[in-house]
Amino acid sequence: MAKRLQETTGSAVDTSFSDRLEEIVDRVAALIAARLEARIASPGGKGKVTPRLLTVKEAAAYVGRTEQAVQHLIHRKELVVVRRGRRVHLDRADLDRWIDGNKC
């Protein structure tokens, strides 16, 4: 299209069109980059904070096992827990280490 404009109107218009098009592309790229940075900055998406400590139910979903299987791993001391009174939580980093340690 730019070549066709140059043929019919001359190079001055073509340069102006090309500059304007480049400006539009730069603005769109900046908007896309800003949206991506915002999504990357919030791991949970939509501004939610991802908790470091997970309940047994959340940990089970995280590692793709049942709650009973996670409780069994805790009982066998394969998974380290954080206890506060009767509440039991698992650190996401410990779950990641357990996953890495069980890869074949």
N, C-alpha and C. Protein backbone atom coordinates (compact mmCIF):
# COMPACT_ATOMS: atom_id res chain seq x y z
N MET A 1 0.82 -1.18 0.00
CA MET A 1 0.00 0.00 0.00
C MET A 1 0.88 1.26 0.00
N ALA A 2 1.96 1.23 0.78
CA ALA A 2 2.85 2.39 0.82
C ALA A 2 3.47 2.64 -0.54
N LYS A 3 3.80 1.56 -1.25
CA LYS A 3 4.38 1.70 -2.58
C LYS A 3 3.38 2.33 -3.53
N ARG A 4 2.12 1.91 -3.44
CA ARG A 4 1.07 2.47 -4.29
C ARG A 4 0.89 3.97 -4.00
N LEU A 5 0.97 4.35 -2.70
CA LEU A 5 0.85 5.77 -2.34
C LEU A 5 2.01 6.56 -2.93
N GLN A 6 3.19 6.00 -2.87
CA GLN A 6 4.35 6.69 -3.40
C GLN A 6 4.19 6.90 -4.90
N GLU A 7 3.68 5.92 -5.60
CA GLU A 7 3.51 6.05 -7.04
C GLU A 7 2.50 7.12 -7.40
N THR A 8 1.45 7.25 -6.61
CA THR A 8 0.38 8.19 -6.96
C THR A 8 0.56 9.58 -6.37
N THR A 9 1.16 9.68 -5.17
CA THR A 9 1.21 10.98 -4.51
C THR A 9 2.61 11.52 -4.28
N GLY A 10 3.60 10.70 -4.40
CA GLY A 10 4.97 11.16 -4.19
C GLY A 10 5.52 10.67 -2.87
N SER A 11 6.84 10.85 -2.68
CA SER A 11 7.52 10.30 -1.51
C SER A 11 7.21 11.06 -0.23
N ALA A 12 6.84 12.32 -0.27
CA ALA A 12 6.57 13.09 0.94
C ALA A 12 5.38 12.50 1.70
N VAL A 13 4.34 12.16 0.98
CA VAL A 13 3.16 11.56 1.61
C VAL A 13 3.50 10.17 2.11
N ASP A 14 4.27 9.42 1.32
CA ASP A 14 4.66 8.07 1.71
C ASP A 14 5.44 8.08 3.01
N THR A 15 6.38 9.00 3.16
CA THR A 15 7.17 9.12 4.37
C THR A 15 6.29 9.49 5.55
N SER A 16 5.35 10.40 5.37
CA SER A 16 4.44 10.79 6.43
C SER A 16 3.58 9.61 6.86
N PHE A 17 3.04 8.86 5.90
CA PHE A 17 2.23 7.68 6.18
C PHE A 17 3.05 6.64 6.92
N SER A 18 4.26 6.41 6.46
CA SER A 18 5.14 5.42 7.07
C SER A 18 5.47 5.80 8.51
N ASP A 19 5.76 7.08 8.74
CA ASP A 19 6.06 7.55 10.09
C ASP A 19 4.85 7.38 11.01
N ARG A 20 3.67 7.71 10.52
CA ARG A 20 2.45 7.60 11.32
C ARG A 20 2.15 6.13 11.64
N LEU A 21 2.33 5.27 10.66
CA LEU A 21 2.11 3.85 10.86
C LEU A 21 3.08 3.30 11.90
N GLU A 22 4.33 3.69 11.83
CA GLU A 22 5.33 3.25 12.79
C GLU A 22 4.97 3.73 14.19
N GLU A 23 4.48 4.95 14.31
CA GLU A 23 4.06 5.50 15.60
C GLU A 23 2.91 4.68 16.19
N ILE A 24 1.96 4.32 15.35
CA ILE A 24 0.81 3.52 15.81
C ILE A 24 1.28 2.15 16.29
N VAL A 25 2.16 1.52 15.52
CA VAL A 25 2.68 0.21 15.90
C VAL A 25 3.43 0.29 17.22
N ASP A 26 4.22 1.33 17.42
CA ASP A 26 4.95 1.51 18.68
C ASP A 26 4.00 1.67 19.85
N ARG A 27 2.93 2.42 19.67
CA ARG A 27 1.95 2.62 20.76
C ARG A 27 1.25 1.31 21.11
N VAL A 28 0.86 0.56 20.09
CA VAL A 28 0.20 -0.73 20.34
C VAL A 28 1.16 -1.67 21.06
N ALA A 29 2.41 -1.70 20.63
CA ALA A 29 3.42 -2.56 21.28
C ALA A 29 3.61 -2.16 22.74
N ALA A 30 3.62 -0.86 23.03
CA ALA A 30 3.77 -0.39 24.41
C ALA A 30 2.58 -0.80 25.26
N LEU A 31 1.38 -0.71 24.71
CA LEU A 31 0.18 -1.13 25.45
C LEU A 31 0.19 -2.63 25.75
N ILE A 32 0.59 -3.41 24.77
CA ILE A 32 0.67 -4.86 24.97
C ILE A 32 1.72 -5.20 26.02
N ALA A 33 2.86 -4.54 25.95
CA ALA A 33 3.93 -4.78 26.92
C ALA A 33 3.48 -4.43 28.33
N ALA A 34 2.75 -3.32 28.48
CA ALA A 34 2.26 -2.92 29.80
C ALA A 34 1.29 -3.95 30.37
N ARG A 35 0.41 -4.47 29.53
CA ARG A 35 -0.54 -5.50 30.00
C ARG A 35 0.18 -6.78 30.39
N LEU A 36 1.16 -7.18 29.60
CA LEU A 36 1.91 -8.39 29.92
C LEU A 36 2.70 -8.23 31.21
N GLU A 37 3.32 -7.08 31.41
CA GLU A 37 4.07 -6.83 32.64
C GLU A 37 3.15 -6.89 33.85
N ALA A 38 1.94 -6.36 33.73
CA ALA A 38 0.98 -6.39 34.83
C ALA A 38 0.59 -7.83 35.16
N ARG A 39 0.39 -8.65 34.14
CA ARG A 39 0.03 -10.05 34.38
C ARG A 39 1.18 -10.83 34.97
N ILE A 40 2.39 -10.54 34.53
CA ILE A 40 3.56 -11.24 35.06
C ILE A 40 3.80 -10.84 36.50
N ALA A 41 3.57 -9.58 36.84
CA ALA A 41 3.81 -9.08 38.18
C ALA A 41 2.86 -9.70 39.19
N SER A 42 1.67 -10.11 38.78
CA SER A 42 0.72 -10.73 39.71
C SER A 42 0.52 -12.18 39.33
N PRO A 43 1.27 -13.10 39.99
CA PRO A 43 1.24 -14.50 39.63
C PRO A 43 -0.16 -15.12 39.68
N GLY A 44 -0.98 -14.72 40.61
CA GLY A 44 -2.32 -15.27 40.71
C GLY A 44 -3.26 -14.69 39.69
N GLY A 45 -2.83 -13.69 38.97
CA GLY A 45 -3.68 -13.03 37.99
C GLY A 45 -4.67 -12.10 38.65
N LYS A 46 -5.07 -11.07 37.98
CA LYS A 46 -6.06 -10.11 38.44
C LYS A 46 -5.73 -9.53 39.81
N GLY A 47 -4.45 -9.34 40.10
CA GLY A 47 -4.03 -8.67 41.32
C GLY A 47 -4.06 -9.53 42.57
N LYS A 48 -4.33 -10.82 42.47
CA LYS A 48 -4.38 -11.69 43.64
C LYS A 48 -2.97 -12.05 44.07
N VAL A 49 -2.78 -12.19 45.38
CA VAL A 49 -1.50 -12.59 45.93
C VAL A 49 -1.49 -14.11 46.04
N THR A 50 -0.44 -14.75 45.57
CA THR A 50 -0.32 -16.20 45.68
C THR A 50 0.29 -16.52 47.03
N PRO A 51 -0.43 -17.27 47.88
CA PRO A 51 0.11 -17.57 49.21
C PRO A 51 1.28 -18.55 49.13
N ARG A 52 2.22 -18.39 50.04
CA ARG A 52 3.37 -19.29 50.09
C ARG A 52 3.00 -20.59 50.80
N LEU A 53 2.20 -20.48 51.86
CA LEU A 53 1.78 -21.65 52.61
C LEU A 53 0.42 -22.12 52.11
N LEU A 54 0.31 -23.43 51.90
CA LEU A 54 -0.92 -24.01 51.39
C LEU A 54 -1.53 -24.97 52.41
N THR A 55 -2.85 -25.06 52.41
CA THR A 55 -3.50 -26.07 53.23
C THR A 55 -3.26 -27.43 52.58
N VAL A 56 -3.64 -28.50 53.29
CA VAL A 56 -3.47 -29.84 52.73
C VAL A 56 -4.29 -29.97 51.45
N LYS A 57 -5.50 -29.43 51.44
CA LYS A 57 -6.36 -29.48 50.26
C LYS A 57 -5.71 -28.75 49.09
N GLU A 58 -5.19 -27.53 49.33
CA GLU A 58 -4.54 -26.75 48.28
C GLU A 58 -3.27 -27.44 47.79
N ALA A 59 -2.50 -28.00 48.74
CA ALA A 59 -1.27 -28.70 48.38
C ALA A 59 -1.57 -29.92 47.52
N ALA A 60 -2.65 -30.62 47.85
CA ALA A 60 -3.04 -31.80 47.07
C ALA A 60 -3.35 -31.39 45.63
N ALA A 61 -4.07 -30.31 45.47
CA ALA A 61 -4.39 -29.82 44.12
C ALA A 61 -3.12 -29.37 43.41
N TYR A 62 -2.20 -28.75 44.15
CA TYR A 62 -0.95 -28.24 43.58
C TYR A 62 -0.10 -29.37 43.01
N VAL A 63 -0.01 -30.49 43.74
CA VAL A 63 0.85 -31.59 43.29
C VAL A 63 0.08 -32.65 42.51
N GLY A 64 -1.23 -32.48 42.40
CA GLY A 64 -2.03 -33.42 41.62
C GLY A 64 -2.29 -34.74 42.32
N ARG A 65 -2.42 -34.71 43.64
CA ARG A 65 -2.69 -35.91 44.42
C ARG A 65 -3.97 -35.68 45.23
N THR A 66 -4.43 -36.72 45.89
CA THR A 66 -5.61 -36.57 46.76
C THR A 66 -5.15 -36.02 48.11
N GLU A 67 -6.11 -35.52 48.88
CA GLU A 67 -5.78 -35.04 50.23
C GLU A 67 -5.23 -36.17 51.08
N GLN A 68 -5.83 -37.36 50.95
CA GLN A 68 -5.37 -38.51 51.72
C GLN A 68 -3.94 -38.88 51.36
N ALA A 69 -3.59 -38.80 50.09
CA ALA A 69 -2.22 -39.12 49.67
C ALA A 69 -1.23 -38.12 50.26
N VAL A 70 -1.60 -36.84 50.30
CA VAL A 70 -0.73 -35.83 50.89
C VAL A 70 -0.60 -36.07 52.39
N GLN A 71 -1.70 -36.40 53.06
CA GLN A 71 -1.64 -36.69 54.50
C GLN A 71 -0.75 -37.89 54.76
N HIS A 72 -0.81 -38.88 53.88
CA HIS A 72 0.05 -40.06 54.01
C HIS A 72 1.53 -39.66 53.87
N LEU A 73 1.83 -38.80 52.91
CA LEU A 73 3.21 -38.34 52.73
C LEU A 73 3.69 -37.54 53.94
N ILE A 74 2.78 -36.79 54.54
CA ILE A 74 3.14 -36.03 55.75
C ILE A 74 3.44 -37.00 56.88
N HIS A 75 2.59 -38.00 57.06
CA HIS A 75 2.77 -38.99 58.13
C HIS A 75 4.09 -39.75 57.96
N ARG A 76 4.46 -40.07 56.71
CA ARG A 76 5.72 -40.76 56.43
C ARG A 76 6.92 -39.81 56.45
N LYS A 77 6.65 -38.53 56.73
CA LYS A 77 7.68 -37.48 56.80
C LYS A 77 8.39 -37.26 55.47
N GLU A 78 7.69 -37.53 54.37
CA GLU A 78 8.23 -37.22 53.05
C GLU A 78 7.98 -35.76 52.70
N LEU A 79 6.97 -35.19 53.33
CA LEU A 79 6.68 -33.76 53.16
C LEU A 79 6.80 -33.06 54.50
N VAL A 80 7.48 -31.93 54.49
CA VAL A 80 7.67 -31.12 55.69
C VAL A 80 6.46 -30.20 55.83
N VAL A 81 5.99 -30.04 57.07
CA VAL A 81 4.82 -29.18 57.30
C VAL A 81 5.16 -28.04 58.25
N VAL A 82 4.33 -27.02 58.20
CA VAL A 82 4.40 -25.90 59.13
C VAL A 82 3.15 -26.01 59.99
N ARG A 83 3.33 -26.19 61.29
CA ARG A 83 2.18 -26.34 62.18
C ARG A 83 2.01 -25.09 63.03
N ARG A 84 0.75 -24.70 63.15
CA ARG A 84 0.39 -23.59 64.04
C ARG A 84 -0.87 -24.06 64.77
N GLY A 85 -0.65 -24.55 65.98
CA GLY A 85 -1.76 -25.15 66.71
C GLY A 85 -2.16 -26.44 66.00
N ARG A 86 -3.45 -26.56 65.68
CA ARG A 86 -3.94 -27.75 64.97
C ARG A 86 -3.86 -27.60 63.45
N ARG A 87 -3.54 -26.41 63.01
CA ARG A 87 -3.49 -26.16 61.56
C ARG A 87 -2.18 -26.65 60.96
N VAL A 88 -2.32 -27.26 59.80
CA VAL A 88 -1.15 -27.79 59.09
C VAL A 88 -1.08 -27.12 57.74
N HIS A 89 0.10 -26.57 57.43
CA HIS A 89 0.32 -25.94 56.13
C HIS A 89 1.59 -26.49 55.51
N LEU A 90 1.63 -26.43 54.19
CA LEU A 90 2.81 -26.89 53.46
C LEU A 90 3.37 -25.73 52.65
N ASP A 91 4.68 -25.60 52.70
CA ASP A 91 5.37 -24.53 51.97
C ASP A 91 5.45 -24.92 50.49
N ARG A 92 5.08 -23.99 49.64
CA ARG A 92 5.11 -24.22 48.19
C ARG A 92 6.52 -24.64 47.73
N ALA A 93 7.56 -24.04 48.31
CA ALA A 93 8.94 -24.37 47.93
C ALA A 93 9.27 -25.82 48.31
N ASP A 94 8.77 -26.29 49.47
CA ASP A 94 8.98 -27.69 49.87
C ASP A 94 8.28 -28.64 48.90
N LEU A 95 7.09 -28.26 48.46
CA LEU A 95 6.36 -29.09 47.50
C LEU A 95 7.12 -29.15 46.17
N ASP A 96 7.68 -28.02 45.75
CA ASP A 96 8.47 -28.00 44.52
C ASP A 96 9.70 -28.90 44.63
N ARG A 97 10.36 -28.87 45.81
CA ARG A 97 11.54 -29.73 46.03
C ARG A 97 11.12 -31.20 46.01
N TRP A 98 9.98 -31.51 46.61
CA TRP A 98 9.50 -32.89 46.63
C TRP A 98 9.21 -33.37 45.19
N ILE A 99 8.60 -32.49 44.40
CA ILE A 99 8.32 -32.83 43.00
C ILE A 99 9.63 -33.08 42.25
N ASP A 100 10.59 -32.17 42.41
CA ASP A 100 11.89 -32.31 41.73
C ASP A 100 12.61 -33.58 42.17
N GLY A 101 12.52 -33.91 43.46
CA GLY A 101 13.18 -35.09 43.98
C GLY A 101 12.56 -36.39 43.53
N ASN A 102 11.33 -36.35 43.06
CA ASN A 102 10.64 -37.57 42.64
C ASN A 102 10.53 -37.70 41.13
N LYS A 103 11.26 -36.89 40.40
CA LYS A 103 11.27 -37.01 38.95
C LYS A 103 12.15 -38.18 38.56
N CYS A 104 11.74 -38.86 37.53
CA CYS A 104 12.53 -40.02 37.05
C CYS A 104 13.55 -39.57 36.03
